[in-house]
Amino acid sequence: MHKLMIAALAAAAFAASPAMAQDMSKFHEGPVFKDFGKIADVESDMPIPPGTVLKAMFEEGKGADPGKVNRTFDSIGRYINMNVAAGVPEDYVQVALVVHGTAGFDVTNAAAYAKKYPGKENPNAPIIAALLAHGVKIYICGQSSAALGIAKADLLPGVKMALSAMTAETLLQQQGYHLIP
């Protein structure tokens, strides 16, 4: 019991530590996306060589709470914003997103989203539209979709159906995309 109490107190002190608090006042809008993907200025010791093409693949399987933005979608905006702000040409930042599991509902149209979450609008829709307009490739797992009852017609415009998340990730890796864990 004594060890448990000490561990709990240490955890509480660590969590309350000012070093662990996030100061979001240092974050600002980026050069590509203004409404999401906020970035901070960083004095980096790892320069990005000129001509570098960044091909990143993000994966999301956990849906956001109803009516909330999926954090991974915001992270993709941040990834694009920070690299463009660091001098990488916008068309050299190439991103793919593979969605599976309950995150599939986060890429559904208004009717399908409202059917799953009555009275809620999909706050991810404008982010998905902005990412697609930037050239982000977005795929949903067909296996998860089948299990969750998400039809191709339920998807936001531009979201593509893949045979599976595993197949999509394999094909994207063969195209040079690197998974961002």
C-alpha atoms as a PDB file:
ATOM      1  CA  MET A   1       0.000   0.000   0.000  1.00  0.00           C
ATOM      2  CA  HIS A   2       2.794   2.399   0.931  1.00  0.00           C
ATOM      3  CA  LYS A   3       4.541   1.836  -2.437  1.00  0.00           C
ATOM      4  CA  LEU A   4       1.277   2.498  -4.272  1.00  0.00           C
ATOM      5  CA  MET A   5       0.757   5.786  -2.423  1.00  0.00           C
ATOM      6  CA  ILE A   6       4.307   6.938  -3.188  1.00  0.00           C
ATOM      7  CA  ALA A   7       3.899   6.015  -6.853  1.00  0.00           C
ATOM      8  CA  ALA A   8       0.581   7.878  -7.029  1.00  0.00           C
ATOM      9  CA  LEU A   9       2.060  10.993  -5.392  1.00  0.00           C
ATOM     10  CA  ALA A  10       5.075  10.910  -7.706  1.00  0.00           C
ATOM     11  CA  ALA A  11       2.837  10.558 -10.741  1.00  0.00           C
ATOM     12  CA  ALA A  12       0.665  13.462  -9.604  1.00  0.00           C
ATOM     13  CA  ALA A  13       3.695  15.672  -8.985  1.00  0.00           C
ATOM     14  CA  PHE A  14       5.160  14.780 -12.381  1.00  0.00           C
ATOM     15  CA  ALA A  15       1.869  15.481 -14.172  1.00  0.00           C
ATOM     16  CA  ALA A  16       1.535  18.833 -12.417  1.00  0.00           C
ATOM     17  CA  SER A  17       5.118  19.792 -13.248  1.00  0.00           C
ATOM     18  CA  PRO A  18       5.382  23.054 -15.203  1.00  0.00           C
ATOM     19  CA  ALA A  19       7.822  21.297 -17.528  1.00  0.00           C
ATOM     20  CA  MET A  20       5.038  18.941 -18.582  1.00  0.00           C
ATOM     21  CA  ALA A  21       2.454  21.679 -19.156  1.00  0.00           C
ATOM     22  CA  GLN A  22       1.842  22.605 -22.788  1.00  0.00           C
ATOM     23  CA  ASP A  23       2.211  26.268 -23.642  1.00  0.00           C
ATOM     24  CA  MET A  24       0.030  26.633 -26.712  1.00  0.00           C
ATOM     25  CA  SER A  25       0.636  30.394 -26.845  1.00  0.00           C
ATOM     26  CA  LYS A  26       3.798  29.691 -28.839  1.00  0.00           C
ATOM     27  CA  PHE A  27       1.814  28.089 -31.658  1.00  0.00           C
ATOM     28  CA  HIS A  28       0.513  30.037 -34.635  1.00  0.00           C
ATOM     29  CA  GLU A  29      -1.153  29.414 -37.969  1.00  0.00           C
ATOM     30  CA  GLY A  30       0.979  27.940 -40.685  1.00  0.00           C
ATOM     31  CA  PRO A  31       1.553  28.976 -44.275  1.00  0.00           C
ATOM     32  CA  VAL A  32      -0.756  26.349 -45.810  1.00  0.00           C
ATOM     33  CA  PHE A  33      -3.612  25.754 -43.358  1.00  0.00           C
ATOM     34  CA  LYS A  34      -4.845  28.664 -41.266  1.00  0.00           C
ATOM     35  CA  ASP A  35      -7.668  27.036 -39.279  1.00  0.00           C
ATOM     36  CA  PHE A  36      -5.846  23.919 -38.067  1.00  0.00           C
ATOM     37  CA  GLY A  37      -2.349  22.442 -37.882  1.00  0.00           C
ATOM     38  CA  LYS A  38      -0.896  25.189 -35.679  1.00  0.00           C
ATOM     39  CA  ILE A  39       2.911  25.227 -35.489  1.00  0.00           C
ATOM     40  CA  ALA A  40       5.681  26.614 -33.316  1.00  0.00           C
ATOM     41  CA  ASP A  41       8.886  28.199 -34.548  1.00  0.00           C
ATOM     42  CA  VAL A  42      11.872  25.956 -33.803  1.00  0.00           C
ATOM     43  CA  GLU A  43      15.612  26.584 -34.055  1.00  0.00           C
ATOM     44  CA  SER A  44      16.376  23.166 -35.529  1.00  0.00           C
ATOM     45  CA  ASP A  45      19.785  21.488 -35.509  1.00  0.00           C
ATOM     46  CA  MET A  46      18.670  19.109 -38.281  1.00  0.00           C
ATOM     47  CA  PRO A  47      18.456  21.022 -41.555  1.00  0.00           C
ATOM     48  CA  ILE A  48      16.293  19.647 -44.334  1.00  0.00           C
ATOM     49  CA  PRO A  49      18.521  19.325 -47.400  1.00  0.00           C
ATOM     50  CA  PRO A  50      17.377  21.271 -50.472  1.00  0.00           C
ATOM     51  CA  GLY A  51      15.404  19.121 -52.901  1.00  0.00           C
ATOM     52  CA  THR A  52      14.177  16.748 -50.200  1.00  0.00           C
ATOM     53  CA  VAL A  53      10.777  15.228 -50.936  1.00  0.00           C
ATOM     54  CA  LEU A  54       8.958  14.189 -47.769  1.00  0.00           C
ATOM     55  CA  LYS A  55       6.523  11.309 -48.349  1.00  0.00           C
ATOM     56  CA  ALA A  56       4.724  10.629 -45.085  1.00  0.00           C
ATOM     57  CA  MET A  57       1.936   8.191 -44.299  1.00  0.00           C
ATOM     58  CA  PHE A  58      -0.287   8.670 -41.282  1.00  0.00           C
ATOM     59  CA  GLU A  59      -2.588   5.990 -39.901  1.00  0.00           C
ATOM     60  CA  GLU A  60      -5.615   6.437 -37.656  1.00  0.00           C
ATOM     61  CA  GLY A  61      -7.815   3.717 -36.219  1.00  0.00           C
ATOM     62  CA  LYS A  62      -9.426   5.452 -33.259  1.00  0.00           C
ATOM     63  CA  GLY A  63     -12.351   7.722 -33.903  1.00  0.00           C
ATOM     64  CA  ALA A  64     -12.557  11.105 -32.243  1.00  0.00           C
ATOM     65  CA  ASP A  65     -15.232  11.716 -29.622  1.00  0.00           C
ATOM     66  CA  PRO A  66     -18.540  12.610 -31.313  1.00  0.00           C
ATOM     67  CA  GLY A  67     -18.471  16.194 -32.553  1.00  0.00           C
ATOM     68  CA  LYS A  68     -14.686  16.507 -31.988  1.00  0.00           C
ATOM     69  CA  VAL A  69     -11.828  16.849 -34.465  1.00  0.00           C
ATOM     70  CA  ASN A  70      -9.655  13.795 -34.964  1.00  0.00           C
ATOM     71  CA  ARG A  71      -6.227  14.730 -33.599  1.00  0.00           C
ATOM     72  CA  THR A  72      -4.375  12.876 -36.366  1.00  0.00           C
ATOM     73  CA  PHE A  73      -6.091  15.001 -39.019  1.00  0.00           C
ATOM     74  CA  ASP A  74      -4.871  18.135 -37.226  1.00  0.00           C
ATOM     75  CA  SER A  75      -1.370  16.589 -36.978  1.00  0.00           C
ATOM     76  CA  ILE A  76      -1.260  16.145 -40.745  1.00  0.00           C
ATOM     77  CA  GLY A  77      -1.987  19.851 -41.124  1.00  0.00           C
ATOM     78  CA  ARG A  78       0.794  20.607 -38.636  1.00  0.00           C
ATOM     79  CA  TYR A  79       3.220  18.317 -40.504  1.00  0.00           C
ATOM     80  CA  ILE A  80       2.549  20.098 -43.790  1.00  0.00           C
ATOM     81  CA  ASN A  81       2.572  23.590 -42.233  1.00  0.00           C
ATOM     82  CA  MET A  82       5.831  23.132 -40.308  1.00  0.00           C
ATOM     83  CA  ASN A  83       7.758  21.665 -43.233  1.00  0.00           C
ATOM     84  CA  VAL A  84       6.575  24.323 -45.670  1.00  0.00           C
ATOM     85  CA  ALA A  85       7.422  26.989 -43.063  1.00  0.00           C
ATOM     86  CA  ALA A  86      10.883  25.405 -42.815  1.00  0.00           C
ATOM     87  CA  GLY A  87      11.425  25.980 -46.539  1.00  0.00           C
ATOM     88  CA  VAL A  88      10.318  22.695 -48.117  1.00  0.00           C
ATOM     89  CA  PRO A  89       8.320  23.488 -51.269  1.00  0.00           C
ATOM     90  CA  GLU A  90       4.655  22.714 -50.689  1.00  0.00           C
ATOM     91  CA  ASP A  91       4.509  20.165 -53.495  1.00  0.00           C
ATOM     92  CA  TYR A  92       7.515  18.347 -51.961  1.00  0.00           C
ATOM     93  CA  VAL A  93       5.478  17.555 -48.837  1.00  0.00           C
ATOM     94  CA  GLN A  94       3.417  14.566 -49.918  1.00  0.00           C
ATOM     95  CA  VAL A  95       1.095  12.915 -47.424  1.00  0.00           C
ATOM     96  CA  ALA A  96      -1.204   9.918 -47.348  1.00  0.00           C
ATOM     97  CA  LEU A  97      -3.684   8.997 -44.621  1.00  0.00           C
ATOM     98  CA  VAL A  98      -4.997   5.491 -43.999  1.00  0.00           C
ATOM     99  CA  VAL A  99      -8.117   5.374 -41.842  1.00  0.00           C
ATOM    100  CA  HIS A 100      -9.500   2.221 -40.260  1.00  0.00           C
ATOM    101  CA  GLY A 101     -11.530   1.155 -37.250  1.00  0.00           C
ATOM    102  CA  THR A 102     -13.878   3.650 -35.630  1.00  0.00           C
ATOM    103  CA  ALA A 103     -11.953   6.532 -37.232  1.00  0.00           C
ATOM    104  CA  GLY A 104     -13.871   5.588 -40.367  1.00  0.00           C
ATOM    105  CA  PHE A 105     -16.837   7.552 -39.057  1.00  0.00           C
ATOM    106  CA  ASP A 106     -14.631  10.677 -38.983  1.00  0.00           C
ATOM    107  CA  VAL A 107     -14.427  10.602 -42.812  1.00  0.00           C
ATOM    108  CA  THR A 108     -18.149  10.109 -43.432  1.00  0.00           C
ATOM    109  CA  ASN A 109     -20.556  12.611 -44.958  1.00  0.00           C
ATOM    110  CA  ALA A 110     -23.110  14.581 -42.943  1.00  0.00           C
ATOM    111  CA  ALA A 111     -25.912  12.017 -43.253  1.00  0.00           C
ATOM    112  CA  ALA A 112     -23.766   9.015 -42.293  1.00  0.00           C
ATOM    113  CA  TYR A 113     -22.106  10.912 -39.426  1.00  0.00           C
ATOM    114  CA  ALA A 114     -25.477  12.098 -38.053  1.00  0.00           C
ATOM    115  CA  LYS A 115     -26.824   8.555 -38.287  1.00  0.00           C
ATOM    116  CA  LYS A 116     -23.936   7.313 -36.124  1.00  0.00           C
ATOM    117  CA  TYR A 117     -23.889  10.375 -33.833  1.00  0.00           C
ATOM    118  CA  PRO A 118     -27.425  11.849 -33.729  1.00  0.00           C
ATOM    119  CA  GLY A 119     -27.482  15.618 -33.382  1.00  0.00           C
ATOM    120  CA  LYS A 120     -23.766  15.989 -34.192  1.00  0.00           C
ATOM    121  CA  GLU A 121     -22.109  17.495 -37.234  1.00  0.00           C
ATOM    122  CA  ASN A 122     -18.821  16.102 -38.492  1.00  0.00           C
ATOM    123  CA  PRO A 123     -16.202  18.738 -37.563  1.00  0.00           C
ATOM    124  CA  ASN A 124     -13.631  16.753 -39.538  1.00  0.00           C
ATOM    125  CA  ALA A 125     -15.332  17.436 -42.888  1.00  0.00           C
ATOM    126  CA  PRO A 126     -13.733  20.867 -43.531  1.00  0.00           C
ATOM    127  CA  ILE A 127     -10.311  19.557 -42.476  1.00  0.00           C
ATOM    128  CA  ILE A 128     -10.618  16.541 -44.773  1.00  0.00           C
ATOM    129  CA  ALA A 129     -11.688  18.840 -47.643  1.00  0.00           C
ATOM    130  CA  ALA A 130      -8.685  21.126 -47.021  1.00  0.00           C
ATOM    131  CA  LEU A 131      -6.261  18.186 -46.827  1.00  0.00           C
ATOM    132  CA  LEU A 132      -7.638  16.708 -50.049  1.00  0.00           C
ATOM    133  CA  ALA A 133      -7.382  20.102 -51.767  1.00  0.00           C
ATOM    134  CA  HIS A 134      -3.708  20.126 -50.771  1.00  0.00           C
ATOM    135  CA  GLY A 135      -3.215  16.720 -52.402  1.00  0.00           C
ATOM    136  CA  VAL A 136      -3.297  14.475 -49.346  1.00  0.00           C
ATOM    137  CA  LYS A 137      -4.369  10.972 -50.360  1.00  0.00           C
ATOM    138  CA  ILE A 138      -6.993   9.598 -47.973  1.00  0.00           C
ATOM    139  CA  TYR A 139      -7.954   5.937 -47.922  1.00  0.00           C
ATOM    140  CA  ILE A 140     -10.398   4.087 -45.694  1.00  0.00           C
ATOM    141  CA  CYS A 141     -10.031   0.404 -44.897  1.00  0.00           C
ATOM    142  CA  GLY A 142     -12.665  -1.570 -46.788  1.00  0.00           C
ATOM    143  CA  GLN A 143     -12.601  -4.323 -44.170  1.00  0.00           C
ATOM    144  CA  SER A 144     -13.316  -1.893 -41.321  1.00  0.00           C
ATOM    145  CA  SER A 145     -15.949  -0.174 -43.453  1.00  0.00           C
ATOM    146  CA  ALA A 146     -17.729  -3.475 -44.036  1.00  0.00           C
ATOM    147  CA  ALA A 147     -17.616  -4.312 -40.330  1.00  0.00           C
ATOM    148  CA  LEU A 148     -18.937  -0.860 -39.342  1.00  0.00           C
ATOM    149  CA  GLY A 149     -21.562  -0.600 -42.075  1.00  0.00           C
ATOM    150  CA  ILE A 150     -19.876   2.332 -43.826  1.00  0.00           C
ATOM    151  CA  ALA A 151     -20.660   2.265 -47.555  1.00  0.00           C
ATOM    152  CA  LYS A 152     -18.600   4.001 -50.223  1.00  0.00           C
ATOM    153  CA  ALA A 153     -21.520   6.405 -50.694  1.00  0.00           C
ATOM    154  CA  ASP A 154     -21.198   7.399 -46.998  1.00  0.00           C
ATOM    155  CA  LEU A 155     -17.700   8.828 -47.450  1.00  0.00           C
ATOM    156  CA  LEU A 156     -16.778  12.480 -47.717  1.00  0.00           C
ATOM    157  CA  PRO A 157     -16.012  13.510 -51.305  1.00  0.00           C
ATOM    158  CA  GLY A 158     -12.467  12.536 -52.257  1.00  0.00           C
ATOM    159  CA  VAL A 159     -11.990   9.821 -49.634  1.00  0.00           C
ATOM    160  CA  LYS A 160     -11.107   6.565 -51.383  1.00  0.00           C
ATOM    161  CA  MET A 161     -11.999   3.001 -50.395  1.00  0.00           C
ATOM    162  CA  ALA A 162      -9.076   0.556 -50.139  1.00  0.00           C
ATOM    163  CA  LEU A 163      -9.351  -3.211 -49.956  1.00  0.00           C
ATOM    164  CA  SER A 164      -7.885  -2.975 -46.460  1.00  0.00           C
ATOM    165  CA  ALA A 165      -5.701  -0.683 -44.373  1.00  0.00           C
ATOM    166  CA  MET A 166      -2.941  -3.284 -44.543  1.00  0.00           C
ATOM    167  CA  THR A 167      -3.066  -3.376 -48.339  1.00  0.00           C
ATOM    168  CA  ALA A 168      -3.156   0.427 -48.588  1.00  0.00           C
ATOM    169  CA  GLU A 169      -0.149   0.777 -46.285  1.00  0.00           C
ATOM    170  CA  THR A 170       1.815  -1.855 -48.214  1.00  0.00           C
ATOM    171  CA  LEU A 171       1.110  -0.162 -51.542  1.00  0.00           C
ATOM    172  CA  LEU A 172       1.911   3.304 -50.174  1.00  0.00           C
ATOM    173  CA  GLN A 173       5.200   2.061 -48.712  1.00  0.00           C
ATOM    174  CA  GLN A 174       6.092   0.641 -52.129  1.00  0.00           C
ATOM    175  CA  GLN A 175       5.484   4.161 -53.493  1.00  0.00           C
ATOM    176  CA  GLY A 176       8.023   5.564 -51.009  1.00  0.00           C
ATOM    177  CA  TYR A 177       5.703   6.743 -48.225  1.00  0.00           C
ATOM    178  CA  HIS A 178       7.080   6.334 -44.709  1.00  0.00           C
ATOM    179  CA  LEU A 179       4.789   5.601 -41.777  1.00  0.00           C
ATOM    180  CA  ILE A 180       4.740   8.302 -39.123  1.00  0.00           C
ATOM    181  CA  PRO A 181       4.026   6.389 -35.879  1.00  0.00           C
END
